[in-house]
Amino acid sequence: MLQVEMSASVRNTSGKGPMRQLRMEGMTPGVVYGRGEEALKLQMDTKVLMAKLLKFYRYNTVVTLDVENEGVRSVMVGEVQTDPVTDTLIHVDFCEIDLEKERAYKVPVVFEGTAKGVDLGGLLIVSCSQVVFQGKPLDIPDDVKVDISGLAIGDELKCSSFAVPANVTMLTDADSVAVSVIKPGEKIEDEDEADSKAK
């Protein structure tokens, strides 16, 4: 899992007026939830925060958040609120996590190469673009890379062929088809239809 470091300071103001003034000063308000305590209100430099978020927001990321006078916390980004017109940051939520506690995470699947069946006119059908892994945050991979260059027309790869890191369990059904190459014009049978035929 990706790891980044960020800094913040405690925010002592709230309400629309003070929040608007805070943003005008180049700061973005935020909060940290966790520890079973009241949420800690934060403020962060908008330019620095935006640059960091652009790099990792769509990925599972452990953020080492250094809060001035409050110490360091391990968190993950929760909700990011942006202005619908200007796309500027409005508010960011962080959720504190326990690095020693296992939980489920969605991990993207990256298909590498060009299937030889596609070069021969076949169609590549991606049925699984992400899988669910369970484990401690720092044991979870950034993604799952799968080489599909050897797939011919009529071939398929199931999730059982994915490499699962040590200390991590895949919760996604291993028998699920992740990717396949079919003939042009061939009908794609969905799982519900296949189940009804089997009954």
Protein backbone atom coordinates (compact mmCIF):
# COMPACT_ATOMS: atom_id res chain seq x y z
CA MET A 1 0.00 0.00 0.00
CA LEU A 2 1.19 3.52 -0.76
CA GLN A 3 2.56 5.59 2.11
CA VAL A 4 2.78 9.38 2.27
CA GLU A 5 3.57 11.95 4.94
CA MET A 6 1.48 15.05 5.54
CA SER A 7 1.30 17.77 8.18
CA ALA A 8 -1.58 19.72 9.68
CA SER A 9 -2.40 22.02 12.57
CA VAL A 10 -5.37 22.07 14.92
CA ARG A 11 -8.27 24.29 13.83
CA ASN A 12 -10.05 26.29 16.52
CA THR A 13 -12.77 27.79 14.35
CA SER A 14 -15.94 26.47 12.70
CA GLY A 15 -18.98 27.78 10.86
CA LYS A 16 -19.44 29.00 7.29
CA GLY A 17 -17.93 32.46 7.78
CA PRO A 18 -14.69 31.38 9.45
CA MET A 19 -14.34 28.46 7.03
CA ARG A 20 -14.68 30.78 4.05
CA GLN A 21 -12.05 33.09 5.53
CA LEU A 22 -9.77 30.11 6.16
CA ARG A 23 -9.98 29.05 2.51
CA MET A 24 -9.27 32.62 1.37
CA GLU A 25 -6.06 32.42 3.41
CA GLY A 26 -4.97 29.34 1.46
CA MET A 27 -5.93 26.76 4.05
CA THR A 28 -8.34 23.81 3.80
CA PRO A 29 -10.36 22.65 6.82
CA GLY A 30 -10.49 18.97 7.72
CA VAL A 31 -11.14 16.51 10.52
CA VAL A 32 -9.72 13.23 11.82
CA TYR A 33 -12.12 10.59 13.09
CA GLY A 34 -11.09 7.68 15.26
CA ARG A 35 -9.92 6.51 18.66
CA GLY A 36 -13.53 6.64 19.83
CA GLU A 37 -13.03 10.30 20.64
CA GLU A 38 -14.53 13.52 19.36
CA ALA A 39 -13.29 14.36 15.86
CA LEU A 40 -10.14 16.50 15.82
CA LYS A 41 -10.56 19.62 13.67
CA LEU A 42 -7.65 20.41 11.36
CA GLN A 43 -6.42 22.96 8.87
CA MET A 44 -3.90 22.25 6.10
CA ASP A 45 -2.06 24.21 3.43
CA THR A 46 -4.31 23.93 0.36
CA LYS A 47 -1.56 23.88 -2.29
CA VAL A 48 0.43 21.17 -0.52
CA LEU A 49 -2.70 19.14 0.24
CA MET A 50 -3.95 19.34 -3.35
CA ALA A 51 -0.59 18.26 -4.76
CA LYS A 52 -0.52 15.24 -2.43
CA LEU A 53 -4.13 14.23 -3.11
CA LEU A 54 -3.63 14.31 -6.88
CA LYS A 55 -0.96 11.62 -6.50
CA PHE A 56 -2.77 9.13 -4.29
CA TYR A 57 -6.47 9.96 -3.77
CA ARG A 58 -7.76 7.12 -5.98
CA TYR A 59 -5.47 4.54 -4.35
CA ASN A 60 -5.34 2.79 -1.00
CA THR A 61 -2.88 4.95 0.93
CA VAL A 62 -1.65 5.10 4.51
CA VAL A 63 -1.08 8.72 5.45
CA THR A 64 1.32 9.49 8.29
CA LEU A 65 -0.33 12.68 9.52
CA ASP A 66 1.79 14.89 11.77
CA VAL A 67 -0.58 17.18 13.66
CA GLU A 68 1.14 20.11 15.34
CA ASN A 69 1.15 19.67 19.16
CA GLU A 70 -0.97 16.50 18.81
CA GLY A 71 1.54 13.97 17.53
CA VAL A 72 1.56 11.59 14.58
CA ARG A 73 -1.45 9.55 13.47
CA SER A 74 -1.85 6.83 10.85
CA VAL A 75 -4.90 7.68 8.76
CA MET A 76 -6.59 7.10 5.42
CA VAL A 77 -8.42 9.71 3.40
CA GLY A 78 -12.19 9.47 3.76
CA GLU A 79 -14.37 12.04 2.02
CA VAL A 80 -12.94 14.86 -0.07
CA GLN A 81 -15.36 17.73 -0.72
CA THR A 82 -14.74 20.04 -3.66
CA ASP A 83 -16.58 23.02 -5.11
CA PRO A 84 -18.77 21.76 -8.01
CA VAL A 85 -17.98 24.87 -10.09
CA THR A 86 -14.34 25.73 -9.36
CA ASP A 87 -13.23 22.22 -8.27
CA THR A 88 -11.33 23.79 -5.36
CA LEU A 89 -10.99 21.94 -2.07
CA ILE A 90 -13.66 22.61 0.53
CA HIS A 91 -13.09 19.98 3.22
CA VAL A 92 -11.19 16.72 3.81
CA ASP A 93 -12.03 13.90 6.21
CA PHE A 94 -9.39 11.50 7.55
CA CYS A 95 -10.10 8.19 9.28
CA GLU A 96 -7.57 6.93 11.81
CA ILE A 97 -6.54 3.29 11.32
CA ASP A 98 -4.72 0.62 13.31
CA LEU A 99 -1.75 -0.61 11.29
CA GLU A 100 -1.86 -3.95 13.15
CA LYS A 101 -5.55 -4.62 12.47
CA GLU A 102 -6.71 -6.55 9.42
CA ARG A 103 -9.53 -5.24 7.25
CA ALA A 104 -10.79 -5.55 3.67
CA TYR A 105 -9.53 -3.30 0.88
CA LYS A 106 -10.47 -3.02 -2.78
CA VAL A 107 -7.38 -3.33 -4.99
CA PRO A 108 -7.32 -2.48 -8.71
CA VAL A 109 -6.31 -5.12 -11.26
CA VAL A 110 -3.86 -3.96 -13.94
CA PHE A 111 -3.84 -6.06 -17.11
CA GLU A 112 -0.49 -5.92 -18.87
CA GLY A 113 0.35 -6.74 -22.48
CA THR A 114 -1.86 -7.37 -25.51
CA ALA A 115 -3.59 -10.73 -25.73
CA LYS A 116 -2.52 -12.67 -28.82
CA GLY A 117 -6.18 -13.47 -29.39
CA VAL A 118 -6.91 -9.76 -29.75
CA ASP A 119 -4.19 -9.49 -32.42
CA LEU A 120 -6.08 -12.23 -34.30
CA GLY A 121 -9.38 -10.34 -34.17
CA GLY A 122 -10.76 -11.44 -30.81
CA LEU A 123 -12.42 -9.16 -28.25
CA LEU A 124 -10.98 -8.69 -24.77
CA ILE A 125 -13.65 -8.85 -22.07
CA VAL A 126 -12.66 -7.56 -18.62
CA SER A 127 -15.04 -8.91 -15.99
CA CYS A 128 -13.04 -8.07 -12.88
CA SER A 129 -11.27 -4.71 -12.64
CA GLN A 130 -10.66 -4.96 -8.89
CA VAL A 131 -10.41 -7.60 -6.17
CA VAL A 132 -10.92 -7.50 -2.42
CA PHE A 133 -7.97 -8.38 -0.20
CA GLN A 134 -7.98 -8.68 3.56
CA GLY A 135 -4.91 -7.99 5.64
CA LYS A 136 -2.99 -5.38 7.58
CA PRO A 137 -2.82 -2.04 5.70
CA LEU A 138 0.91 -2.16 4.95
CA ASP A 139 0.65 -5.74 3.62
CA ILE A 140 -1.97 -4.79 1.00
CA PRO A 141 -0.45 -4.27 -2.50
CA ASP A 142 -1.02 -1.10 -4.52
CA ASP A 143 -2.48 -3.19 -7.36
CA VAL A 144 -2.54 -6.67 -8.89
CA LYS A 145 -0.62 -6.95 -12.17
CA VAL A 146 -1.75 -9.67 -14.58
CA ASP A 147 0.02 -10.58 -17.85
CA ILE A 148 -2.61 -11.34 -20.51
CA SER A 149 -0.31 -11.55 -23.54
CA GLY A 150 -0.68 -15.34 -23.76
CA LEU A 151 -4.48 -15.37 -24.02
CA ALA A 152 -5.81 -16.80 -27.28
CA ILE A 153 -9.39 -16.61 -28.57
CA GLY A 154 -11.51 -18.71 -26.24
CA ASP A 155 -9.08 -18.40 -23.32
CA GLU A 156 -9.89 -16.92 -19.93
CA LEU A 157 -8.14 -16.13 -16.66
CA LYS A 158 -9.80 -16.61 -13.29
CA CYS A 159 -9.05 -14.68 -10.13
CA SER A 160 -7.42 -17.85 -8.77
CA SER A 161 -4.46 -17.10 -11.07
CA PHE A 162 -3.71 -13.81 -9.30
CA ALA A 163 -0.61 -13.55 -7.12
CA VAL A 164 -1.67 -13.01 -3.51
CA PRO A 165 0.98 -11.53 -1.20
CA ALA A 166 2.01 -13.25 2.01
CA ASN A 167 -0.17 -12.45 5.05
CA VAL A 168 -3.03 -11.39 2.74
CA THR A 169 -6.27 -13.24 1.94
CA MET A 170 -8.29 -12.71 -1.23
CA LEU A 171 -12.00 -12.38 -0.43
CA THR A 172 -13.06 -12.22 -4.08
CA ASP A 173 -14.34 -15.56 -5.40
CA ALA A 174 -11.29 -17.34 -6.85
CA ASP A 175 -13.47 -19.02 -9.50
CA SER A 176 -14.65 -15.68 -10.91
CA VAL A 177 -13.49 -15.03 -14.47
CA ALA A 178 -11.33 -11.91 -14.49
CA VAL A 179 -10.65 -11.53 -18.21
CA SER A 180 -11.36 -13.49 -21.38
CA VAL A 181 -10.94 -13.28 -25.15
CA ILE A 182 -13.97 -14.11 -27.28
CA LYS A 183 -14.78 -14.31 -30.98
CA PRO A 184 -16.29 -11.16 -32.53
CA GLY A 185 -20.07 -11.37 -32.34
CA GLU A 186 -20.04 -14.07 -29.66
CA LYS A 187 -22.73 -13.56 -27.04
CA ILE A 188 -21.52 -12.77 -23.53
CA GLU A 189 -23.52 -14.76 -21.02
CA ASP A 190 -23.85 -13.04 -17.68
CA GLU A 191 -23.75 -14.94 -14.40
CA ASP A 192 -27.49 -14.64 -13.70
CA GLU A 193 -28.34 -16.10 -17.09
CA ALA A 194 -25.85 -18.94 -16.61
CA ASP A 195 -27.31 -19.74 -13.21
CA SER A 196 -30.87 -19.88 -14.58
CA LYS A 197 -29.80 -22.35 -17.28
CA ALA A 198 -28.11 -24.54 -14.72
CA LYS A 199 -31.31 -24.89 -12.68
